[in-house]
PDB file of all heavy atoms in Angstrom:
ATOM      1  N   GLN A   1       2.147  -2.588 -18.012  1.00  0.00           N
ATOM      2  CA  GLN A   1       3.490  -3.060 -17.680  1.00  0.00           C
ATOM      3  C   GLN A   1       4.558  -2.010 -18.002  1.00  0.00           C
ATOM      4  O   GLN A   1       5.470  -1.775 -17.207  1.00  0.00           O
ATOM      5  CB  GLN A   1       3.795  -4.353 -18.430  1.00  0.00           C
ATOM      6  CG  GLN A   1       5.049  -5.046 -17.968  1.00  0.00           C
ATOM      7  CD  GLN A   1       5.276  -6.354 -18.699  1.00  0.00           C
ATOM      8  OE1 GLN A   1       6.208  -6.480 -19.477  1.00  0.00           O
ATOM      9  NE2 GLN A   1       4.411  -7.322 -18.454  1.00  0.00           N
ATOM     10  N   ALA A   2       4.409  -1.333 -19.136  1.00  0.00           N
ATOM     11  CA  ALA A   2       5.427  -0.357 -19.536  1.00  0.00           C
ATOM     12  C   ALA A   2       5.480   0.820 -18.569  1.00  0.00           C
ATOM     13  O   ALA A   2       6.569   1.245 -18.155  1.00  0.00           O
ATOM     14  CB  ALA A   2       5.143   0.133 -20.959  1.00  0.00           C
ATOM     15  N   ILE A   3       4.322   1.340 -18.181  1.00  0.00           N
ATOM     16  CA  ILE A   3       4.341   2.501 -17.286  1.00  0.00           C
ATOM     17  C   ILE A   3       4.743   2.094 -15.877  1.00  0.00           C
ATOM     18  O   ILE A   3       5.452   2.839 -15.183  1.00  0.00           O
ATOM     19  CB  ILE A   3       2.984   3.244 -17.289  1.00  0.00           C
ATOM     20  CG1 ILE A   3       3.130   4.597 -16.597  1.00  0.00           C
ATOM     21  CG2 ILE A   3       1.882   2.434 -16.634  1.00  0.00           C
ATOM     22  CD1 ILE A   3       4.169   5.510 -17.224  1.00  0.00           C
ATOM     23  N   LEU A   4       4.364   0.894 -15.442  1.00  0.00           N
ATOM     24  CA  LEU A   4       4.799   0.441 -14.124  1.00  0.00           C
ATOM     25  C   LEU A   4       6.314   0.272 -14.085  1.00  0.00           C
ATOM     26  O   LEU A   4       6.950   0.584 -13.071  1.00  0.00           O
ATOM     27  CB  LEU A   4       4.101  -0.864 -13.746  1.00  0.00           C
ATOM     28  CG  LEU A   4       4.431  -1.414 -12.360  1.00  0.00           C
ATOM     29  CD1 LEU A   4       4.086  -0.401 -11.267  1.00  0.00           C
ATOM     30  CD2 LEU A   4       3.691  -2.727 -12.105  1.00  0.00           C
ATOM     31  N   THR A   5       6.899  -0.193 -15.180  1.00  0.00           N
ATOM     32  CA  THR A   5       8.355  -0.299 -15.258  1.00  0.00           C
ATOM     33  C   THR A   5       9.006   1.065 -15.063  1.00  0.00           C
ATOM     34  O   THR A   5       9.976   1.211 -14.297  1.00  0.00           O
ATOM     35  CB  THR A   5       8.778  -0.888 -16.612  1.00  0.00           C
ATOM     36  OG1 THR A   5       8.214  -2.193 -16.757  1.00  0.00           O
ATOM     37  CG2 THR A   5      10.296  -0.984 -16.723  1.00  0.00           C
ATOM     38  N   ARG A   6       8.468   2.080 -15.723  1.00  0.00           N
ATOM     39  CA  ARG A   6       9.021   3.435 -15.580  1.00  0.00           C
ATOM     40  C   ARG A   6       8.863   3.947 -14.154  1.00  0.00           C
ATOM     41  O   ARG A   6       9.780   4.569 -13.607  1.00  0.00           O
ATOM     42  CB  ARG A   6       8.330   4.372 -16.575  1.00  0.00           C
ATOM     43  CG  ARG A   6       8.629   4.060 -18.033  1.00  0.00           C
ATOM     44  CD  ARG A   6       7.745   4.859 -18.974  1.00  0.00           C
ATOM     45  NE  ARG A   6       8.025   6.278 -18.890  1.00  0.00           N
ATOM     46  CZ  ARG A   6       7.289   7.210 -19.522  1.00  0.00           C
ATOM     47  NH1 ARG A   6       6.250   6.851 -20.250  1.00  0.00           N
ATOM     48  NH2 ARG A   6       7.620   8.479 -19.404  1.00  0.00           N
ATOM     49  N   LEU A   7       7.732   3.665 -13.538  1.00  0.00           N
ATOM     50  CA  LEU A   7       7.517   4.120 -12.164  1.00  0.00           C
ATOM     51  C   LEU A   7       8.445   3.407 -11.186  1.00  0.00           C
ATOM     52  O   LEU A   7       9.031   4.022 -10.291  1.00  0.00           O
ATOM     53  CB  LEU A   7       6.058   3.901 -11.763  1.00  0.00           C
ATOM     54  CG  LEU A   7       5.022   4.729 -12.521  1.00  0.00           C
ATOM     55  CD1 LEU A   7       3.607   4.259 -12.190  1.00  0.00           C
ATOM     56  CD2 LEU A   7       5.170   6.220 -12.212  1.00  0.00           C
ATOM     57  N   LEU A   8       8.595   2.092 -11.356  1.00  0.00           N
ATOM     58  CA  LEU A   8       9.483   1.333 -10.474  1.00  0.00           C
ATOM     59  C   LEU A   8      10.940   1.748 -10.653  1.00  0.00           C
ATOM     60  O   LEU A   8      11.750   1.628  -9.723  1.00  0.00           O
ATOM     61  CB  LEU A   8       9.320  -0.166 -10.726  1.00  0.00           C
ATOM     62  CG  LEU A   8       7.998  -0.773 -10.264  1.00  0.00           C
ATOM     63  CD1 LEU A   8       7.859  -2.209 -10.758  1.00  0.00           C
ATOM     64  CD2 LEU A   8       7.883  -0.728  -8.738  1.00  0.00           C
ATOM     65  N   ASN A   9      11.263   2.269 -11.837  1.00  0.00           N
ATOM     66  CA  ASN A   9      12.620   2.767 -12.092  1.00  0.00           C
ATOM     67  C   ASN A   9      12.834   4.174 -11.552  1.00  0.00           C
ATOM     68  O   ASN A   9      13.917   4.742 -11.682  1.00  0.00           O
ATOM     69  CB  ASN A   9      12.935   2.726 -13.588  1.00  0.00           C
ATOM     70  CG  ASN A   9      13.192   1.311 -14.090  1.00  0.00           C
ATOM     71  OD1 ASN A   9      13.555   0.422 -13.311  1.00  0.00           O
ATOM     72  ND2 ASN A   9      13.001   1.093 -15.382  1.00  0.00           N
ATOM     73  N   GLY A  10      11.792   4.751 -10.946  1.00  0.00           N
ATOM     74  CA  GLY A  10      11.930   6.040 -10.287  1.00  0.00           C
ATOM     75  C   GLY A  10      11.752   7.249 -11.173  1.00  0.00           C
ATOM     76  O   GLY A  10      12.116   8.368 -10.777  1.00  0.00           O
ATOM     77  N   GLU A  11      11.180   7.071 -12.357  1.00  0.00           N
ATOM     78  CA  GLU A  11      10.953   8.225 -13.238  1.00  0.00           C
ATOM     79  C   GLU A  11       9.928   9.149 -12.587  1.00  0.00           C
ATOM     80  O   GLU A  11       8.855   8.698 -12.176  1.00  0.00           O
ATOM     81  CB  GLU A  11      10.468   7.742 -14.604  1.00  0.00           C
ATOM     82  CG  GLU A  11      10.462   8.824 -15.657  1.00  0.00           C
ATOM     83  CD  GLU A  11      10.199   8.262 -17.049  1.00  0.00           C
ATOM     84  OE1 GLU A  11      10.429   7.056 -17.270  1.00  0.00           O
ATOM     85  OE2 GLU A  11       9.756   9.053 -17.911  1.00  0.00           O
ATOM     86  N   THR A  12      10.238  10.416 -12.503  1.00  0.00           N
ATOM     87  CA  THR A  12       9.416  11.343 -11.706  1.00  0.00           C
ATOM     88  C   THR A  12       8.168  11.792 -12.464  1.00  0.00           C
ATOM     89  O   THR A  12       7.988  12.956 -12.796  1.00  0.00           O
ATOM     90  CB  THR A  12      10.226  12.566 -11.260  1.00  0.00           C
ATOM     91  OG1 THR A  12      10.836  13.177 -12.409  1.00  0.00           O
ATOM     92  CG2 THR A  12      11.290  12.162 -10.270  1.00  0.00           C
ATOM     93  N   LEU A  13       7.316  10.858 -12.727  1.00  0.00           N
ATOM     94  CA  LEU A  13       6.027  11.108 -13.356  1.00  0.00           C
ATOM     95  C   LEU A  13       4.995  11.443 -12.287  1.00  0.00           C
ATOM     96  O   LEU A  13       5.208  11.165 -11.100  1.00  0.00           O
ATOM     97  CB  LEU A  13       5.603   9.870 -14.136  1.00  0.00           C
ATOM     98  CG  LEU A  13       6.532   9.483 -15.296  1.00  0.00           C
ATOM     99  CD1 LEU A  13       6.277   8.048 -15.733  1.00  0.00           C
ATOM    100  CD2 LEU A  13       6.340  10.452 -16.462  1.00  0.00           C
ATOM    101  N   PRO A  14       3.870  12.048 -12.659  1.00  0.00           N
ATOM    102  CA  PRO A  14       2.860  12.396 -11.651  1.00  0.00           C
ATOM    103  C   PRO A  14       2.448  11.225 -10.768  1.00  0.00           C
ATOM    104  O   PRO A  14       2.256  11.395  -9.562  1.00  0.00           O
ATOM    105  CB  PRO A  14       1.694  12.905 -12.506  1.00  0.00           C
ATOM    106  CG  PRO A  14       2.365  13.508 -13.705  1.00  0.00           C
ATOM    107  CD  PRO A  14       3.533  12.610 -13.994  1.00  0.00           C
ATOM    108  N   ALA A  15       2.324  10.030 -11.326  1.00  0.00           N
ATOM    109  CA  ALA A  15       1.906   8.886 -10.523  1.00  0.00           C
ATOM    110  C   ALA A  15       2.947   8.501  -9.477  1.00  0.00           C
ATOM    111  O   ALA A  15       2.603   7.859  -8.480  1.00  0.00           O
ATOM    112  CB  ALA A  15       1.610   7.684 -11.423  1.00  0.00           C
ATOM    113  N   LEU A  16       4.196   8.877  -9.684  1.00  0.00           N
ATOM    114  CA  LEU A  16       5.214   8.646  -8.659  1.00  0.00           C
ATOM    115  C   LEU A  16       5.234   9.780  -7.644  1.00  0.00           C
ATOM    116  O   LEU A  16       5.481   9.562  -6.454  1.00  0.00           O
ATOM    117  CB  LEU A  16       6.596   8.497  -9.306  1.00  0.00           C
ATOM    118  CG  LEU A  16       7.736   8.144  -8.342  1.00  0.00           C
ATOM    119  CD1 LEU A  16       7.526   6.759  -7.748  1.00  0.00           C
ATOM    120  CD2 LEU A  16       9.092   8.210  -9.048  1.00  0.00           C
ATOM    121  N   ARG A  17       4.956  10.989  -8.107  1.00  0.00           N
ATOM    122  CA  ARG A  17       4.971  12.146  -7.216  1.00  0.00           C
ATOM    123  C   ARG A  17       3.753  12.176  -6.286  1.00  0.00           C
ATOM    124  O   ARG A  17       3.796  12.821  -5.238  1.00  0.00           O
ATOM    125  CB  ARG A  17       5.027  13.437  -8.032  1.00  0.00           C
ATOM    126  CG  ARG A  17       6.347  13.618  -8.775  1.00  0.00           C
ATOM    127  CD  ARG A  17       6.359  14.888  -9.590  1.00  0.00           C
ATOM    128  NE  ARG A  17       6.171  16.073  -8.748  1.00  0.00           N
ATOM    129  CZ  ARG A  17       6.117  17.315  -9.226  1.00  0.00           C
ATOM    130  NH1 ARG A  17       6.231  17.517 -10.531  1.00  0.00           N
ATOM    131  NH2 ARG A  17       5.941  18.336  -8.416  1.00  0.00           N
ATOM    132  N   ALA A  18       2.697  11.495  -6.655  1.00  0.00           N
ATOM    133  CA  ALA A  18       1.500  11.460  -5.807  1.00  0.00           C
ATOM    134  C   ALA A  18       1.754  10.513  -4.637  1.00  0.00           C
ATOM    135  O   ALA A  18       1.916   9.307  -4.820  1.00  0.00           O
ATOM    136  CB  ALA A  18       0.298  10.995  -6.623  1.00  0.00           C
ATOM    137  N   ARG A  19       1.817  11.061  -3.434  1.00  0.00           N
ATOM    138  CA  ARG A  19       2.069  10.282  -2.223  1.00  0.00           C
ATOM    139  C   ARG A  19       1.142  10.756  -1.117  1.00  0.00           C
ATOM    140  O   ARG A  19       0.878  11.947  -0.980  1.00  0.00           O
ATOM    141  CB  ARG A  19       3.514  10.459  -1.743  1.00  0.00           C
ATOM    142  CG  ARG A  19       4.591  10.055  -2.730  1.00  0.00           C
ATOM    143  CD  ARG A  19       4.749   8.553  -2.806  1.00  0.00           C
ATOM    144  NE  ARG A  19       5.781   8.199  -3.766  1.00  0.00           N
ATOM    145  CZ  ARG A  19       7.082   8.121  -3.462  1.00  0.00           C
ATOM    146  NH1 ARG A  19       7.478   8.368  -2.228  1.00  0.00           N
ATOM    147  NH2 ARG A  19       7.960   7.794  -4.391  1.00  0.00           N
ATOM    148  N   SER A  20       0.695   9.819  -0.317  1.00  0.00           N
ATOM    149  CA  SER A  20      -0.075  10.160   0.868  1.00  0.00           C
ATOM    150  C   SER A  20       0.846  10.672   1.962  1.00  0.00           C
ATOM    151  O   SER A  20       2.006  10.247   2.064  1.00  0.00           O
ATOM    152  CB  SER A  20      -0.815   8.922   1.367  1.00  0.00           C
ATOM    153  OG  SER A  20      -1.379   9.144   2.639  1.00  0.00           O
ATOM    154  N   ASN A  21       0.334  11.577   2.797  1.00  0.00           N
ATOM    155  CA  ASN A  21       1.055  11.933   4.021  1.00  0.00           C
ATOM    156  C   ASN A  21       1.018  10.782   5.021  1.00  0.00           C
ATOM    157  O   ASN A  21       1.719  10.816   6.027  1.00  0.00           O
ATOM    158  CB  ASN A  21       0.444  13.194   4.646  1.00  0.00           C
ATOM    159  CG  ASN A  21       0.705  14.416   3.798  1.00  0.00           C
ATOM    160  OD1 ASN A  21       1.690  14.477   3.073  1.00  0.00           O
ATOM    161  ND2 ASN A  21      -0.182  15.395   3.875  1.00  0.00           N
ATOM    162  N   GLY A  22       0.172   9.784   4.752  1.00  0.00           N
ATOM    163  CA  GLY A  22       0.118   8.585   5.567  1.00  0.00           C
ATOM    164  C   GLY A  22       0.785   7.432   4.842  1.00  0.00           C
ATOM    165  O   GLY A  22       2.002   7.398   4.676  1.00  0.00           O
ATOM    166  N   GLU A  23      -0.043   6.500   4.327  1.00  0.00           N
ATOM    167  CA  GLU A  23       0.472   5.299   3.659  1.00  0.00           C
ATOM    168  C   GLU A  23       0.130   5.346   2.181  1.00  0.00           C
ATOM    169  O   GLU A  23      -0.995   5.664   1.800  1.00  0.00           O
ATOM    170  CB  GLU A  23      -0.137   4.046   4.293  1.00  0.00           C
ATOM    171  CG  GLU A  23       0.380   2.740   3.715  1.00  0.00           C
ATOM    172  CD  GLU A  23      -0.191   1.513   4.390  1.00  0.00           C
ATOM    173  OE1 GLU A  23      -1.250   1.638   5.052  1.00  0.00           O
ATOM    174  OE2 GLU A  23       0.413   0.426   4.267  1.00  0.00           O
ATOM    175  N   THR A  24       1.100   5.024   1.329  1.00  0.00           N
ATOM    176  CA  THR A  24       0.884   4.919  -0.110  1.00  0.00           C
ATOM    177  C   THR A  24       1.114   3.479  -0.532  1.00  0.00           C
ATOM    178  O   THR A  24       2.144   2.881  -0.217  1.00  0.00           O
ATOM    179  CB  THR A  24       1.836   5.840  -0.895  1.00  0.00           C
ATOM    180  OG1 THR A  24       1.678   7.184  -0.442  1.00  0.00           O
ATOM    181  CG2 THR A  24       1.551   5.776  -2.391  1.00  0.00           C
ATOM    182  N   VAL A  25       0.125   2.910  -1.231  1.00  0.00           N
ATOM    183  CA  VAL A  25       0.186   1.509  -1.640  1.00  0.00           C
ATOM    184  C   VAL A  25       0.001   1.416  -3.148  1.00  0.00           C
ATOM    185  O   VAL A  25      -0.931   2.009  -3.699  1.00  0.00           O
ATOM    186  CB  VAL A  25      -0.911   0.686  -0.928  1.00  0.00           C
ATOM    187  CG1 VAL A  25      -0.918  -0.759  -1.432  1.00  0.00           C
ATOM    188  CG2 VAL A  25      -0.723   0.731   0.584  1.00  0.00           C
ATOM    189  N   TRP A  26       0.886   0.667  -3.801  1.00  0.00           N
ATOM    190  CA  TRP A  26       0.700   0.306  -5.207  1.00  0.00           C
ATOM    191  C   TRP A  26       0.213  -1.134  -5.228  1.00  0.00           C
ATOM    192  O   TRP A  26       0.956  -2.055  -4.888  1.00  0.00           O
ATOM    193  CB  TRP A  26       2.003   0.415  -5.988  1.00  0.00           C
ATOM    194  CG  TRP A  26       2.466   1.819  -6.234  1.00  0.00           C
ATOM    195  CD1 TRP A  26       1.815   2.965  -5.925  1.00  0.00           C
ATOM    196  CD2 TRP A  26       3.702   2.207  -6.841  1.00  0.00           C
ATOM    197  NE1 TRP A  26       2.566   4.058  -6.302  1.00  0.00           N
ATOM    198  CE2 TRP A  26       3.715   3.615  -6.869  1.00  0.00           C
ATOM    199  CE3 TRP A  26       4.781   1.510  -7.365  1.00  0.00           C
ATOM    200  CZ2 TRP A  26       4.789   4.341  -7.396  1.00  0.00           C
ATOM    201  CZ3 TRP A  26       5.849   2.225  -7.901  1.00  0.00           C
ATOM    202  CH2 TRP A  26       5.850   3.629  -7.915  1.00  0.00           C
ATOM    203  N   LEU A  27      -1.031  -1.317  -5.599  1.00  0.00           N
ATOM    204  CA  LEU A  27      -1.633  -2.642  -5.697  1.00  0.00           C
ATOM    205  C   LEU A  27      -1.666  -3.023  -7.173  1.00  0.00           C
ATOM    206  O   LEU A  27      -2.357  -2.390  -7.966  1.00  0.00           O
ATOM    207  CB  LEU A  27      -3.040  -2.607  -5.090  1.00  0.00           C
ATOM    208  CG  LEU A  27      -3.875  -3.885  -5.148  1.00  0.00           C
ATOM    209  CD1 LEU A  27      -3.169  -5.055  -4.487  1.00  0.00           C
ATOM    210  CD2 LEU A  27      -5.234  -3.636  -4.503  1.00  0.00           C
ATOM    211  N   VAL A  28      -0.891  -4.033  -7.538  1.00  0.00           N
ATOM    212  CA  VAL A  28      -0.737  -4.396  -8.950  1.00  0.00           C
ATOM    213  C   VAL A  28      -1.046  -5.878  -9.133  1.00  0.00           C
ATOM    214  O   VAL A  28      -0.949  -6.673  -8.188  1.00  0.00           O
ATOM    215  CB  VAL A  28       0.681  -4.078  -9.456  1.00  0.00           C
ATOM    216  CG1 VAL A  28       1.062  -2.633  -9.139  1.00  0.00           C
ATOM    217  CG2 VAL A  28       1.719  -5.025  -8.852  1.00  0.00           C
ATOM    218  N   ASP A  29      -1.419  -6.250 -10.347  1.00  0.00           N
ATOM    219  CA  ASP A  29      -1.598  -7.677 -10.614  1.00  0.00           C
ATOM    220  C   ASP A  29      -0.390  -8.210 -11.369  1.00  0.00           C
ATOM    221  O   ASP A  29       0.465  -7.446 -11.841  1.00  0.00           O
ATOM    222  CB  ASP A  29      -2.916  -7.952 -11.341  1.00  0.00           C
ATOM    223  CG  ASP A  29      -2.956  -7.436 -12.778  1.00  0.00           C
ATOM    224  OD1 ASP A  29      -1.987  -6.771 -13.222  1.00  0.00           O
ATOM    225  OD2 ASP A  29      -3.963  -7.697 -13.466  1.00  0.00           O
TER     226      ASP A  29
END
């Protein structure tokens, strides 16, 4: 939950910088 909060807030961490040239999906519970 803590790291997802940071990512949703747009913090430029590697998991946010990783994007597909096609479709990028965040599947969360």
